[in-house]
Structures are given as C-alpha cells and as structure tokens.
Amino acid sequence: MLISKCPLCNSSGESSFQSKDFLFNNNEIYRYMQCKHCSLIYQDPIPAPDQIDSFYPDDYKVYQKARRSKHGYMKLAVLRYRYNYKHLNVSRLFRLFAPILAVFRYRDTIRFVPNGRGLDIGCGNGKFIRSMNFIGWNIEGVDFNPVAVDFCRKAGLKVFHGDLQSVAFKDNSFDLVSARHVIEHVPNPKEFVIEIARILKKRGRLVIRTPNSEALGRRWFGINWYANDVPRHLILFNPTNLNMLAKCHGLRLINGKTITSPKNILNSWDRLKKNQGNPSKKQKIRRLIARLYVVLAALTRRGDEIFAIYEKS
C-alpha cells in the first residue's frame, strides 16, 4: 500500500482511486490518496505549477464569455428586505411579498456592507463580479489564466493576473472574499486560507463552494462522478475537514450545508455509460430521476457540493 502525506494535516494517506482526464481525453492516469486522519482526498503527487497550468487549456469552459447577469425583481426585493440592500430600487408591490419569499428563497445571500470591497478568486469570465457589482458591491477579481483576465478587463472589470499570493493585497483589505470552485484546484490549501484570512477585514466573510467528497453521487458513481474532475481537482474536501481548515486560521462557520443539482448526476450517468450522442439532460425520464436524486441527497445531507460562509473573528 502506498503511503503519502496529507497536505492538510500531514498524516499518512492510503490509496483512494485512480482516473484519467475525461474532459480532455487525456489517457494519463492520476492517483488520489485519502488521509487516514482527516479523510481529505488529494492527488499524489501534487503536480508542479507548470503541470497544473497544462490542465487548463484556453478553451476551458469557465473562460468563455459570460452572459449579462440578471437579478429578478423578487430577488432584489428580498435583498432589500432581509440583507440590508436598502439602496435597491424596488416597487412597493414586490416589497410586499418579500417577507414571505425570504422564508424560502435567497437564504444564502451575503449581507450588504456599504462601500463594501470584495474579491472573487478564480473569477473566470467575471460573471460573479458583474452580478455583485450590479447590487452595489465593489468587487475585484484574480485569475491565473490570461484569457480569463483579458475577457474581464475588456468588460471593464478590475481583475489581476496571477494567483492570490502573487497579487500581495494589503492586510485587512476586503469585506468579502469569494472562493467558489477554487480551493479544490489549489495545491496548498493551508497557505491559501492563511492568505485569505490575512486580507479579510475583521468580521469579513469568506464564501466557499467546493465538491463534497462524501456526496451520495460520488458513492454511486465512483471515478465517473462528474465533480471529481480529474486532474484539475487536486483536493476533495468534506464538510468536517473544510471546517477544520477554516477554524485553524480564525474563520468561524456561520452557514454551512451541502447542495446539489440534476446537472451533476446526469453528467455522471453519461460518463459512466460513455453516452455522447444522446445526453441525459435531453431525456425526460432521466431528468425526473435526477430530480429525485436531488431530494434524496438533501435528505441524507450528502449533496454534491459544499456551500459554506465563514466570518473572520
């Protein structure tokens, strides 16, 4: 049995799975280990920076031009009613229904900070920046891919080229840091979170979204689980070890859950069955089964994705 050291807690690991790159049809096999202590799953060996760069060709989907961000009137009404977005212009009619809708929808929204400054790490095509700036934030971005940075800058967005550490923001710079589908791509998650904690203001908030290694779909589909995304996902977290990482660096969990969508399970099915000509998303029966899976994943708290908001103490 192969032994390796966990990049989170430095404990010994044991073999978890091996897989190739399904997205770009690369037949090279990549090996993943699981930590015996904290259950973190990580690629072994962790690739060098130039190899990591090769995992992201310029046609990687998140670098494609984004559509214009839209916010429905009901969402704007809820933001105004519950999350301190008092500056939003919303009609009285929509404001009337906001207290009812707020019970069921948009419960994961970040509370507005006047003149709030934010950072979107791994901003890709800038969709999140546009969305947040539209409702009053001042969001900047950082991405290591020059194509993504070029897209954003041509759209008038303030985006830096490089990784988070290389930009060297000042201490206590941001009220909000977004790292959505980023931490699983980072070879050293401890250094990454330390840097985020440094640039966050006191009571500033970090939003993380990342695949859940304990997802029901991963148990069912194994190496064909779409969110494995080998080899781009260097690390797979579960809620416990992600919270442990944040807590060690002064970040307190204030909202955490797992979520999922039919898309992931349908893509996993297509990968398992090598289904290319007739994708499952176009088949009614499979879409129905996927919706039932979403319910089951929610009931068992084993959704495909971890959503967490942390606050700097």
C-alpha atoms as a PDB file:
ATOM      1  CA  MET A   1       0.000   0.000   0.000  1.00  0.00           C
ATOM      2  CA  LEU A   2       1.360   3.418  -0.980  1.00  0.00           C
ATOM      3  CA  ILE A   3       1.904   5.985   1.755  1.00  0.00           C
ATOM      4  CA  SER A   4       1.797   9.760   1.272  1.00  0.00           C
ATOM      5  CA  LYS A   5       1.427  12.826   3.500  1.00  0.00           C
ATOM      6  CA  CYS A   6      -1.830  14.763   3.691  1.00  0.00           C
ATOM      7  CA  PRO A   7      -1.448  18.434   2.601  1.00  0.00           C
ATOM      8  CA  LEU A   8      -3.931  19.443   5.297  1.00  0.00           C
ATOM      9  CA  CYS A   9      -2.832  17.638   8.470  1.00  0.00           C
ATOM     10  CA  ASN A  10       0.401  15.900   7.349  1.00  0.00           C
ATOM     11  CA  SER A  11      -0.878  12.477   8.381  1.00  0.00           C
ATOM     12  CA  SER A  12      -0.387   9.336   6.330  1.00  0.00           C
ATOM     13  CA  GLY A  13      -2.621   8.592   3.384  1.00  0.00           C
ATOM     14  CA  GLU A  14      -3.756   5.461   1.619  1.00  0.00           C
ATOM     15  CA  SER A  15      -4.858   4.797  -1.947  1.00  0.00           C
ATOM     16  CA  SER A  16      -8.339   6.122  -2.786  1.00  0.00           C
ATOM     17  CA  PHE A  17      -8.781   5.920  -6.582  1.00  0.00           C
ATOM     18  CA  GLN A  18      -7.088   6.377  -9.948  1.00  0.00           C
ATOM     19  CA  SER A  19      -8.531   8.017 -13.037  1.00  0.00           C
ATOM     20  CA  LYS A  20      -7.749   9.715 -16.334  1.00  0.00           C
ATOM     21  CA  ASP A  21      -8.816  13.159 -17.577  1.00  0.00           C
ATOM     22  CA  PHE A  22     -12.286  12.531 -19.031  1.00  0.00           C
ATOM     23  CA  LEU A  23     -12.859  16.142 -20.070  1.00  0.00           C
ATOM     24  CA  PHE A  24      -9.930  16.435 -22.475  1.00  0.00           C
ATOM     25  CA  ASN A  25      -9.486  12.721 -23.255  1.00  0.00           C
ATOM     26  CA  ASN A  26      -6.045  12.544 -21.740  1.00  0.00           C
ATOM     27  CA  ASN A  27      -5.134   8.905 -21.087  1.00  0.00           C
ATOM     28  CA  GLU A  28      -2.562   9.668 -18.408  1.00  0.00           C
ATOM     29  CA  ILE A  29      -3.557   8.095 -15.080  1.00  0.00           C
ATOM     30  CA  TYR A  30      -3.679  10.262 -11.960  1.00  0.00           C
ATOM     31  CA  ARG A  31      -3.579   8.756  -8.472  1.00  0.00           C
ATOM     32  CA  TYR A  32      -5.510  10.050  -5.459  1.00  0.00           C
ATOM     33  CA  MET A  33      -4.935   9.285  -1.777  1.00  0.00           C
ATOM     34  CA  GLN A  34      -7.171   9.621   1.273  1.00  0.00           C
ATOM     35  CA  CYS A  35      -5.847  10.842   4.612  1.00  0.00           C
ATOM     36  CA  LYS A  36      -6.246   8.301   7.411  1.00  0.00           C
ATOM     37  CA  HIS A  37      -6.795  11.073   9.969  1.00  0.00           C
ATOM     38  CA  CYS A  38      -8.923  13.834   8.380  1.00  0.00           C
ATOM     39  CA  SER A  39     -10.236  11.951   5.301  1.00  0.00           C
ATOM     40  CA  LEU A  40      -9.005  14.591   2.843  1.00  0.00           C
ATOM     41  CA  ILE A  41      -8.659  13.193  -0.687  1.00  0.00           C
ATOM     42  CA  TYR A  42      -5.710  14.556  -2.646  1.00  0.00           C
ATOM     43  CA  GLN A  43      -3.794  13.939  -5.844  1.00  0.00           C
ATOM     44  CA  ASP A  44      -0.451  12.236  -5.294  1.00  0.00           C
ATOM     45  CA  PRO A  45       1.984  13.507  -6.126  1.00  0.00           C
ATOM     46  CA  ILE A  46       0.751  17.093  -6.121  1.00  0.00           C
ATOM     47  CA  PRO A  47       1.755  18.337  -9.600  1.00  0.00           C
ATOM     48  CA  ALA A  48       4.241  21.143 -10.225  1.00  0.00           C
ATOM     49  CA  PRO A  49       2.885  24.602 -11.209  1.00  0.00           C
ATOM     50  CA  ASP A  50       3.671  24.220 -14.914  1.00  0.00           C
ATOM     51  CA  GLN A  51       1.880  20.879 -15.000  1.00  0.00           C
ATOM     52  CA  ILE A  52      -1.143  22.388 -13.240  1.00  0.00           C
ATOM     53  CA  ASP A  53      -1.226  25.150 -15.872  1.00  0.00           C
ATOM     54  CA  SER A  54      -1.391  22.495 -18.599  1.00  0.00           C
ATOM     55  CA  PHE A  55      -4.658  21.175 -17.110  1.00  0.00           C
ATOM     56  CA  TYR A  56      -6.435  24.388 -18.222  1.00  0.00           C
ATOM     57  CA  PRO A  57      -6.323  24.995 -21.981  1.00  0.00           C
ATOM     58  CA  ASP A  58      -7.629  28.309 -23.257  1.00  0.00           C
ATOM     59  CA  ASP A  59     -10.953  26.743 -24.281  1.00  0.00           C
ATOM     60  CA  TYR A  60     -11.633  25.617 -20.690  1.00  0.00           C
ATOM     61  CA  LYS A  61     -15.346  26.337 -20.276  1.00  0.00           C
ATOM     62  CA  VAL A  62     -15.146  28.865 -17.406  1.00  0.00           C
ATOM     63  CA  TYR A  63     -13.100  31.185 -19.639  1.00  0.00           C
ATOM     64  CA  GLN A  64     -15.882  31.572 -22.169  1.00  0.00           C
ATOM     65  CA  LYS A  65     -17.611  34.918 -22.371  1.00  0.00           C
ATOM     66  CA  ALA A  66     -20.334  35.354 -19.754  1.00  0.00           C
ATOM     67  CA  ARG A  67     -23.910  36.332 -20.424  1.00  0.00           C
ATOM     68  CA  ARG A  68     -25.198  39.521 -18.863  1.00  0.00           C
ATOM     69  CA  SER A  69     -26.033  38.958 -15.178  1.00  0.00           C
ATOM     70  CA  LYS A  70     -29.687  39.331 -14.246  1.00  0.00           C
ATOM     71  CA  HIS A  71     -31.498  39.788 -10.933  1.00  0.00           C
ATOM     72  CA  GLY A  72     -35.244  39.273 -10.810  1.00  0.00           C
ATOM     73  CA  TYR A  73     -37.403  41.842  -9.065  1.00  0.00           C
ATOM     74  CA  MET A  74     -38.398  39.359  -6.369  1.00  0.00           C
ATOM     75  CA  LYS A  75     -34.767  38.642  -5.551  1.00  0.00           C
ATOM     76  CA  LEU A  76     -33.990  42.332  -5.349  1.00  0.00           C
ATOM     77  CA  ALA A  77     -36.972  42.761  -3.019  1.00  0.00           C
ATOM     78  CA  VAL A  78     -35.668  40.024  -0.703  1.00  0.00           C
ATOM     79  CA  LEU A  79     -32.171  41.523  -0.722  1.00  0.00           C
ATOM     80  CA  ARG A  80     -33.622  44.878   0.271  1.00  0.00           C
ATOM     81  CA  TYR A  81     -35.890  43.389   2.951  1.00  0.00           C
ATOM     82  CA  ARG A  82     -33.531  40.948   4.675  1.00  0.00           C
ATOM     83  CA  TYR A  83     -29.920  41.667   3.714  1.00  0.00           C
ATOM     84  CA  ASN A  84     -29.541  45.435   4.116  1.00  0.00           C
ATOM     85  CA  TYR A  85     -29.625  46.321   0.401  1.00  0.00           C
ATOM     86  CA  LYS A  86     -31.677  49.431   1.186  1.00  0.00           C
ATOM     87  CA  HIS A  87     -30.318  51.261  -1.841  1.00  0.00           C
ATOM     88  CA  LEU A  88     -32.037  48.928  -4.315  1.00  0.00           C
ATOM     89  CA  ASN A  89     -34.994  50.470  -6.101  1.00  0.00           C
ATOM     90  CA  VAL A  90     -37.863  48.002  -5.745  1.00  0.00           C
ATOM     91  CA  SER A  91     -41.561  48.665  -6.280  1.00  0.00           C
ATOM     92  CA  ARG A  92     -43.953  48.514  -3.323  1.00  0.00           C
ATOM     93  CA  LEU A  93     -45.743  45.534  -4.825  1.00  0.00           C
ATOM     94  CA  PHE A  94     -42.619  43.347  -4.804  1.00  0.00           C
ATOM     95  CA  ARG A  95     -41.615  44.661  -1.391  1.00  0.00           C
ATOM     96  CA  LEU A  96     -44.991  43.479  -0.089  1.00  0.00           C
ATOM     97  CA  PHE A  97     -44.227  39.849  -0.974  1.00  0.00           C
ATOM     98  CA  ALA A  98     -40.576  39.932   0.117  1.00  0.00           C
ATOM     99  CA  PRO A  99     -41.136  38.765   3.768  1.00  0.00           C
ATOM    100  CA  ILE A 100     -42.910  35.630   2.560  1.00  0.00           C
ATOM    101  CA  LEU A 101     -40.444  34.804  -0.188  1.00  0.00           C
ATOM    102  CA  ALA A 102     -37.476  35.396   2.142  1.00  0.00           C
ATOM    103  CA  VAL A 103     -38.541  32.357   4.194  1.00  0.00           C
ATOM    104  CA  PHE A 104     -37.931  30.029   1.243  1.00  0.00           C
ATOM    105  CA  ARG A 105     -35.576  31.729  -1.228  1.00  0.00           C
ATOM    106  CA  TYR A 106     -32.224  33.527  -1.366  1.00  0.00           C
ATOM    107  CA  ARG A 107     -31.274  32.460   2.169  1.00  0.00           C
ATOM    108  CA  ASP A 108     -27.561  32.191   1.346  1.00  0.00           C
ATOM    109  CA  THR A 109     -27.055  35.797   0.321  1.00  0.00           C
ATOM    110  CA  ILE A 110     -24.264  37.863   1.842  1.00  0.00           C
ATOM    111  CA  ARG A 111     -25.459  40.824   3.923  1.00  0.00           C
ATOM    112  CA  PHE A 112     -24.633  44.125   2.261  1.00  0.00           C
ATOM    113  CA  VAL A 113     -21.779  46.254   3.566  1.00  0.00           C
ATOM    114  CA  PRO A 114     -21.981  49.934   2.495  1.00  0.00           C
ATOM    115  CA  ASN A 115     -18.980  50.736   0.297  1.00  0.00           C
ATOM    116  CA  GLY A 116     -18.079  47.074   0.678  1.00  0.00           C
ATOM    117  CA  ARG A 117     -14.991  45.839  -1.125  1.00  0.00           C
ATOM    118  CA  GLY A 118     -14.800  42.242  -2.275  1.00  0.00           C
ATOM    119  CA  LEU A 119     -12.547  39.835  -4.122  1.00  0.00           C
ATOM    120  CA  ASP A 120     -13.527  36.936  -6.363  1.00  0.00           C
ATOM    121  CA  ILE A 121     -10.687  34.402  -6.503  1.00  0.00           C
ATOM    122  CA  GLY A 122     -10.607  32.421  -9.733  1.00  0.00           C
ATOM    123  CA  CYS A 123     -13.024  34.885 -11.307  1.00  0.00           C
ATOM    124  CA  GLY A 124     -13.080  33.157 -14.711  1.00  0.00           C
ATOM    125  CA  ASN A 125     -15.288  35.123 -17.099  1.00  0.00           C
ATOM    126  CA  GLY A 126     -16.294  37.664 -14.428  1.00  0.00           C
ATOM    127  CA  LYS A 127     -19.936  36.621 -14.084  1.00  0.00           C
ATOM    128  CA  PHE A 128     -19.917  36.802 -10.279  1.00  0.00           C
ATOM    129  CA  ILE A 129     -18.181  40.206 -10.308  1.00  0.00           C
ATOM    130  CA  ARG A 130     -20.813  41.653 -12.625  1.00  0.00           C
ATOM    131  CA  SER A 131     -23.609  40.209 -10.523  1.00  0.00           C
ATOM    132  CA  MET A 132     -22.314  41.602  -7.229  1.00  0.00           C
ATOM    133  CA  ASN A 133     -21.354  44.998  -8.641  1.00  0.00           C
ATOM    134  CA  PHE A 134     -24.877  45.338 -10.016  1.00  0.00           C
ATOM    135  CA  ILE A 135     -26.315  45.214  -6.484  1.00  0.00           C
ATOM    136  CA  GLY A 136     -23.861  47.678  -5.003  1.00  0.00           C
ATOM    137  CA  TRP A 137     -20.618  45.921  -4.159  1.00  0.00           C
ATOM    138  CA  ASN A 138     -17.159  46.902  -5.372  1.00  0.00           C
ATOM    139  CA  ILE A 139     -15.772  43.534  -6.417  1.00  0.00           C
ATOM    140  CA  GLU A 140     -12.354  42.867  -7.912  1.00  0.00           C
ATOM    141  CA  GLY A 141     -11.060  39.594  -9.299  1.00  0.00           C
ATOM    142  CA  VAL A 142      -7.941  37.500  -9.638  1.00  0.00           C
ATOM    143  CA  ASP A 143      -7.286  34.638 -12.061  1.00  0.00           C
ATOM    144  CA  PHE A 144      -4.119  32.900 -13.225  1.00  0.00           C
ATOM    145  CA  ASN A 145      -5.331  32.424 -16.809  1.00  0.00           C
ATOM    146  CA  PRO A 146      -4.542  35.330 -19.174  1.00  0.00           C
ATOM    147  CA  VAL A 147      -7.527  34.541 -21.411  1.00  0.00           C
ATOM    148  CA  ALA A 148      -9.938  34.888 -18.479  1.00  0.00           C
ATOM    149  CA  VAL A 149      -8.254  38.097 -17.354  1.00  0.00           C
ATOM    150  CA  ASP A 150      -8.493  39.526 -20.865  1.00  0.00           C
ATOM    151  CA  PHE A 151     -12.240  38.755 -21.030  1.00  0.00           C
ATOM    152  CA  CYS A 152     -12.811  40.571 -17.748  1.00  0.00           C
ATOM    153  CA  ARG A 153     -10.672  43.589 -18.482  1.00  0.00           C
ATOM    154  CA  LYS A 154     -12.337  44.136 -21.862  1.00  0.00           C
ATOM    155  CA  ALA A 155     -15.638  44.198 -19.957  1.00  0.00           C
ATOM    156  CA  GLY A 156     -14.288  46.959 -17.726  1.00  0.00           C
ATOM    157  CA  LEU A 157     -13.767  44.774 -14.650  1.00  0.00           C
ATOM    158  CA  LYS A 158     -10.855  45.211 -12.266  1.00  0.00           C
ATOM    159  CA  VAL A 159      -9.041  41.893 -12.418  1.00  0.00           C
ATOM    160  CA  PHE A 160      -5.479  40.903 -11.531  1.00  0.00           C
ATOM    161  CA  HIS A 161      -3.449  38.246 -13.308  1.00  0.00           C
ATOM    162  CA  GLY A 162      -1.767  35.616 -11.146  1.00  0.00           C
ATOM    163  CA  ASP A 163      -2.511  33.574  -8.064  1.00  0.00           C
ATOM    164  CA  LEU A 164      -3.745  35.082  -4.805  1.00  0.00           C
ATOM    165  CA  GLN A 165      -0.354  35.282  -3.104  1.00  0.00           C
ATOM    166  CA  SER A 166       1.369  36.923  -6.081  1.00  0.00           C
ATOM    167  CA  VAL A 167      -1.027  39.878  -6.091  1.00  0.00           C
ATOM    168  CA  ALA A 168       0.013  40.708  -2.491  1.00  0.00           C
ATOM    169  CA  PHE A 169      -3.048  42.605  -1.287  1.00  0.00           C
ATOM    170  CA  LYS A 170      -2.674  44.639   1.908  1.00  0.00           C
ATOM    171  CA  ASP A 171      -3.791  43.267   5.269  1.00  0.00           C
ATOM    172  CA  ASN A 172      -7.484  43.700   6.118  1.00  0.00           C
ATOM    173  CA  SER A 173      -8.422  44.775   2.587  1.00  0.00           C
ATOM    174  CA  PHE A 174     -11.754  43.069   1.944  1.00  0.00           C
ATOM    175  CA  ASP A 175     -15.208  42.795   3.478  1.00  0.00           C
ATOM    176  CA  LEU A 176     -15.943  39.764   1.298  1.00  0.00           C
ATOM    177  CA  VAL A 177     -13.832  37.093  -0.372  1.00  0.00           C
ATOM    178  CA  SER A 178     -15.429  34.592  -2.738  1.00  0.00           C
ATOM    179  CA  ALA A 179     -13.662  31.308  -3.496  1.00  0.00           C
ATOM    180  CA  ARG A 180     -16.281  29.366  -5.435  1.00  0.00           C
ATOM    181  CA  HIS A 181     -14.964  26.175  -7.003  1.00  0.00           C
ATOM    182  CA  VAL A 182     -11.393  27.251  -6.347  1.00  0.00           C
ATOM    183  CA  ILE A 183      -9.955  25.590  -3.237  1.00  0.00           C
ATOM    184  CA  GLU A 184     -10.129  22.137  -4.848  1.00  0.00           C
ATOM    185  CA  HIS A 185      -7.719  23.433  -7.527  1.00  0.00           C
ATOM    186  CA  VAL A 186      -5.158  24.770  -5.015  1.00  0.00           C
ATOM    187  CA  PRO A 187      -2.075  22.615  -4.276  1.00  0.00           C
ATOM    188  CA  ASN A 188      -1.544  24.038  -0.770  1.00  0.00           C
ATOM    189  CA  PRO A 189      -4.917  24.735   0.890  1.00  0.00           C
ATOM    190  CA  LYS A 190      -3.368  25.835   4.195  1.00  0.00           C
ATOM    191  CA  GLU A 191      -1.362  28.647   2.604  1.00  0.00           C
ATOM    192  CA  PHE A 192      -4.428  29.609   0.570  1.00  0.00           C
ATOM    193  CA  VAL A 193      -6.680  30.005   3.627  1.00  0.00           C
ATOM    194  CA  ILE A 194      -3.959  31.776   5.622  1.00  0.00           C
ATOM    195  CA  GLU A 195      -3.705  34.366   2.842  1.00  0.00           C
ATOM    196  CA  ILE A 196      -7.481  34.811   2.705  1.00  0.00           C
ATOM    197  CA  ALA A 197      -7.636  35.317   6.474  1.00  0.00           C
ATOM    198  CA  ARG A 198      -4.876  37.937   6.214  1.00  0.00           C
ATOM    199  CA  ILE A 199      -6.629  40.064   3.591  1.00  0.00           C
ATOM    200  CA  LEU A 200     -10.093  39.828   5.164  1.00  0.00           C
ATOM    201  CA  LYS A 201     -11.198  42.615   7.468  1.00  0.00           C
ATOM    202  CA  LYS A 202     -12.395  41.755  10.965  1.00  0.00           C
ATOM    203  CA  ARG A 203     -15.877  40.255  10.604  1.00  0.00           C
ATOM    204  CA  GLY A 204     -15.257  39.998   6.888  1.00  0.00           C
ATOM    205  CA  ARG A 205     -16.752  36.931   5.256  1.00  0.00           C
ATOM    206  CA  LEU A 206     -15.445  34.130   3.072  1.00  0.00           C
ATOM    207  CA  VAL A 207     -17.792  32.233   0.740  1.00  0.00           C
ATOM    208  CA  ILE A 208     -16.623  28.785  -0.362  1.00  0.00           C
ATOM    209  CA  ARG A 209     -18.223  26.333  -2.762  1.00  0.00           C
ATOM    210  CA  THR A 210     -16.408  23.093  -3.458  1.00  0.00           C
ATOM    211  CA  PRO A 211     -17.242  19.460  -4.310  1.00  0.00           C
ATOM    212  CA  ASN A 212     -18.198  17.231  -1.390  1.00  0.00           C
ATOM    213  CA  SER A 213     -16.085  14.076  -1.202  1.00  0.00           C
ATOM    214  CA  GLU A 214     -18.855  12.431   0.863  1.00  0.00           C
ATOM    215  CA  ALA A 215     -21.543  13.100  -1.749  1.00  0.00           C
ATOM    216  CA  LEU A 216     -24.117  10.438  -2.415  1.00  0.00           C
ATOM    217  CA  GLY A 217     -23.366  10.738  -6.133  1.00  0.00           C
ATOM    218  CA  ARG A 218     -19.682  10.058  -5.566  1.00  0.00           C
ATOM    219  CA  ARG A 219     -20.559   6.900  -3.659  1.00  0.00           C
ATOM    220  CA  TRP A 220     -22.796   5.743  -6.511  1.00  0.00           C
ATOM    221  CA  PHE A 221     -20.610   6.659  -9.487  1.00  0.00           C
ATOM    222  CA  GLY A 222     -17.066   6.340  -8.122  1.00  0.00           C
ATOM    223  CA  ILE A 223     -14.465   7.504 -10.637  1.00  0.00           C
ATOM    224  CA  ASN A 224     -17.273   8.515 -13.017  1.00  0.00           C
ATOM    225  CA  TRP A 225     -18.644  11.112 -10.581  1.00  0.00           C
ATOM    226  CA  TYR A 226     -18.568  14.288 -12.655  1.00  0.00           C
ATOM    227  CA  ALA A 227     -17.314  16.530  -9.840  1.00  0.00           C
ATOM    228  CA  ASN A 228     -14.100  14.513  -9.420  1.00  0.00           C
ATOM    229  CA  ASP A 229     -12.870  16.495 -12.462  1.00  0.00           C
ATOM    230  CA  VAL A 230      -9.523  14.721 -12.587  1.00  0.00           C
ATOM    231  CA  PRO A 231      -6.846  16.102 -12.731  1.00  0.00           C
ATOM    232  CA  ARG A 232      -7.933  19.728 -12.203  1.00  0.00           C
ATOM    233  CA  HIS A 233      -9.379  18.969  -8.789  1.00  0.00           C
ATOM    234  CA  LEU A 234      -6.245  18.362  -6.761  1.00  0.00           C
ATOM    235  CA  ILE A 235      -8.117  18.037  -3.470  1.00  0.00           C
ATOM    236  CA  LEU A 236     -11.600  16.905  -2.444  1.00  0.00           C
ATOM    237  CA  PHE A 237     -12.951  18.101   0.913  1.00  0.00           C
ATOM    238  CA  ASN A 238     -15.794  17.002   3.116  1.00  0.00           C
ATOM    239  CA  PRO A 239     -17.630  19.472   5.418  1.00  0.00           C
ATOM    240  CA  THR A 240     -15.691  18.366   8.501  1.00  0.00           C
ATOM    241  CA  ASN A 241     -12.150  18.798   7.187  1.00  0.00           C
ATOM    242  CA  LEU A 242     -13.063  22.030   5.379  1.00  0.00           C
ATOM    243  CA  ASN A 243     -14.407  23.475   8.639  1.00  0.00           C
ATOM    244  CA  MET A 244     -11.285  22.268  10.448  1.00  0.00           C
ATOM    245  CA  LEU A 245      -9.083  24.104   7.954  1.00  0.00           C
ATOM    246  CA  ALA A 246     -11.041  27.346   8.321  1.00  0.00           C
ATOM    247  CA  LYS A 247     -11.200  27.190  12.115  1.00  0.00           C
ATOM    248  CA  CYS A 248      -7.429  26.708  12.404  1.00  0.00           C
ATOM    249  CA  HIS A 249      -6.961  30.103  10.764  1.00  0.00           C
ATOM    250  CA  GLY A 250      -9.502  32.194  12.647  1.00  0.00           C
ATOM    251  CA  LEU A 251     -12.531  31.700  10.422  1.00  0.00           C
ATOM    252  CA  ARG A 252     -15.820  30.812  12.105  1.00  0.00           C
ATOM    253  CA  LEU A 253     -18.543  28.898  10.259  1.00  0.00           C
ATOM    254  CA  ILE A 254     -21.809  30.841  10.185  1.00  0.00           C
ATOM    255  CA  ASN A 255     -23.641  28.986   7.414  1.00  0.00           C
ATOM    256  CA  GLY A 256     -22.836  25.556   6.042  1.00  0.00           C
ATOM    257  CA  LYS A 257     -24.687  22.909   4.071  1.00  0.00           C
ATOM    258  CA  THR A 258     -24.437  20.617   1.068  1.00  0.00           C
ATOM    259  CA  ILE A 259     -26.314  21.299  -2.146  1.00  0.00           C
ATOM    260  CA  THR A 260     -26.726  19.593  -5.486  1.00  0.00           C
ATOM    261  CA  SER A 261     -28.383  19.928  -8.877  1.00  0.00           C
ATOM    262  CA  PRO A 262     -29.608  17.483 -11.515  1.00  0.00           C
ATOM    263  CA  LYS A 263     -26.746  18.503 -13.826  1.00  0.00           C
ATOM    264  CA  ASN A 264     -24.039  16.687 -11.883  1.00  0.00           C
ATOM    265  CA  ILE A 265     -25.857  13.378 -11.668  1.00  0.00           C
ATOM    266  CA  LEU A 266     -26.877  13.482 -15.340  1.00  0.00           C
ATOM    267  CA  ASN A 267     -23.308  14.175 -16.429  1.00  0.00           C
ATOM    268  CA  SER A 268     -22.069  11.388 -14.161  1.00  0.00           C
ATOM    269  CA  TRP A 269     -24.512   8.954 -15.779  1.00  0.00           C
ATOM    270  CA  ASP A 270     -23.357   9.949 -19.256  1.00  0.00           C
ATOM    271  CA  ARG A 271     -19.746   9.437 -18.250  1.00  0.00           C
ATOM    272  CA  LEU A 272     -20.483   6.018 -16.763  1.00  0.00           C
ATOM    273  CA  LYS A 273     -22.349   4.872 -19.866  1.00  0.00           C
ATOM    274  CA  LYS A 274     -19.997   6.677 -22.288  1.00  0.00           C
ATOM    275  CA  ASN A 275     -23.122   8.352 -23.594  1.00  0.00           C
ATOM    276  CA  GLN A 276     -22.125  11.077 -26.067  1.00  0.00           C
ATOM    277  CA  GLY A 277     -24.721  11.118 -28.834  1.00  0.00           C
ATOM    278  CA  ASN A 278     -27.868  11.426 -26.704  1.00  0.00           C
ATOM    279  CA  PRO A 279     -27.103  13.300 -23.455  1.00  0.00           C
ATOM    280  CA  SER A 280     -29.239  12.518 -20.432  1.00  0.00           C
ATOM    281  CA  LYS A 281     -30.244  16.155 -19.972  1.00  0.00           C
ATOM    282  CA  LYS A 282     -32.434  15.759 -23.074  1.00  0.00           C
ATOM    283  CA  GLN A 283     -34.249  12.659 -21.764  1.00  0.00           C
ATOM    284  CA  LYS A 284     -37.336  13.267 -19.612  1.00  0.00           C
ATOM    285  CA  ILE A 285     -37.131  10.063 -17.571  1.00  0.00           C
ATOM    286  CA  ARG A 286     -33.524  10.639 -16.594  1.00  0.00           C
ATOM    287  CA  ARG A 287     -34.211  14.273 -15.732  1.00  0.00           C
ATOM    288  CA  LEU A 288     -37.004  13.090 -13.438  1.00  0.00           C
ATOM    289  CA  ILE A 289     -34.717  10.548 -11.760  1.00  0.00           C
ATOM    290  CA  ALA A 290     -32.094  13.273 -11.341  1.00  0.00           C
ATOM    291  CA  ARG A 291     -34.617  15.478  -9.523  1.00  0.00           C
ATOM    292  CA  LEU A 292     -35.442  12.600  -7.199  1.00  0.00           C
ATOM    293  CA  TYR A 293     -31.722  12.224  -6.556  1.00  0.00           C
ATOM    294  CA  VAL A 294     -31.542  15.896  -5.563  1.00  0.00           C
ATOM    295  CA  VAL A 295     -34.238  15.276  -2.943  1.00  0.00           C
ATOM    296  CA  LEU A 296     -32.506  12.150  -1.636  1.00  0.00           C
ATOM    297  CA  ALA A 297     -29.150  13.923  -1.422  1.00  0.00           C
ATOM    298  CA  ALA A 298     -30.780  16.743   0.543  1.00  0.00           C
ATOM    299  CA  LEU A 299     -32.487  14.361   2.961  1.00  0.00           C
ATOM    300  CA  THR A 300     -29.247  12.500   3.644  1.00  0.00           C
ATOM    301  CA  ARG A 301     -27.195  15.743   3.756  1.00  0.00           C
ATOM    302  CA  ARG A 302     -24.858  14.290   1.161  1.00  0.00           C
ATOM    303  CA  GLY A 303     -25.209  16.770  -1.670  1.00  0.00           C
ATOM    304  CA  ASP A 304     -22.588  17.035  -4.406  1.00  0.00           C
ATOM    305  CA  GLU A 305     -21.306  20.411  -3.275  1.00  0.00           C
ATOM    306  CA  ILE A 306     -20.328  22.076  -0.013  1.00  0.00           C
ATOM    307  CA  PHE A 307     -21.581  25.625   0.491  1.00  0.00           C
ATOM    308  CA  ALA A 308     -20.065  27.474   3.444  1.00  0.00           C
ATOM    309  CA  ILE A 309     -19.824  31.035   4.723  1.00  0.00           C
ATOM    310  CA  TYR A 310     -17.104  31.831   7.271  1.00  0.00           C
ATOM    311  CA  GLU A 311     -16.517  35.000   9.271  1.00  0.00           C
ATOM    312  CA  LYS A 312     -13.141  36.304  10.431  1.00  0.00           C
ATOM    313  CA  SER A 313     -13.121  36.680  14.204  1.00  0.00           C
END
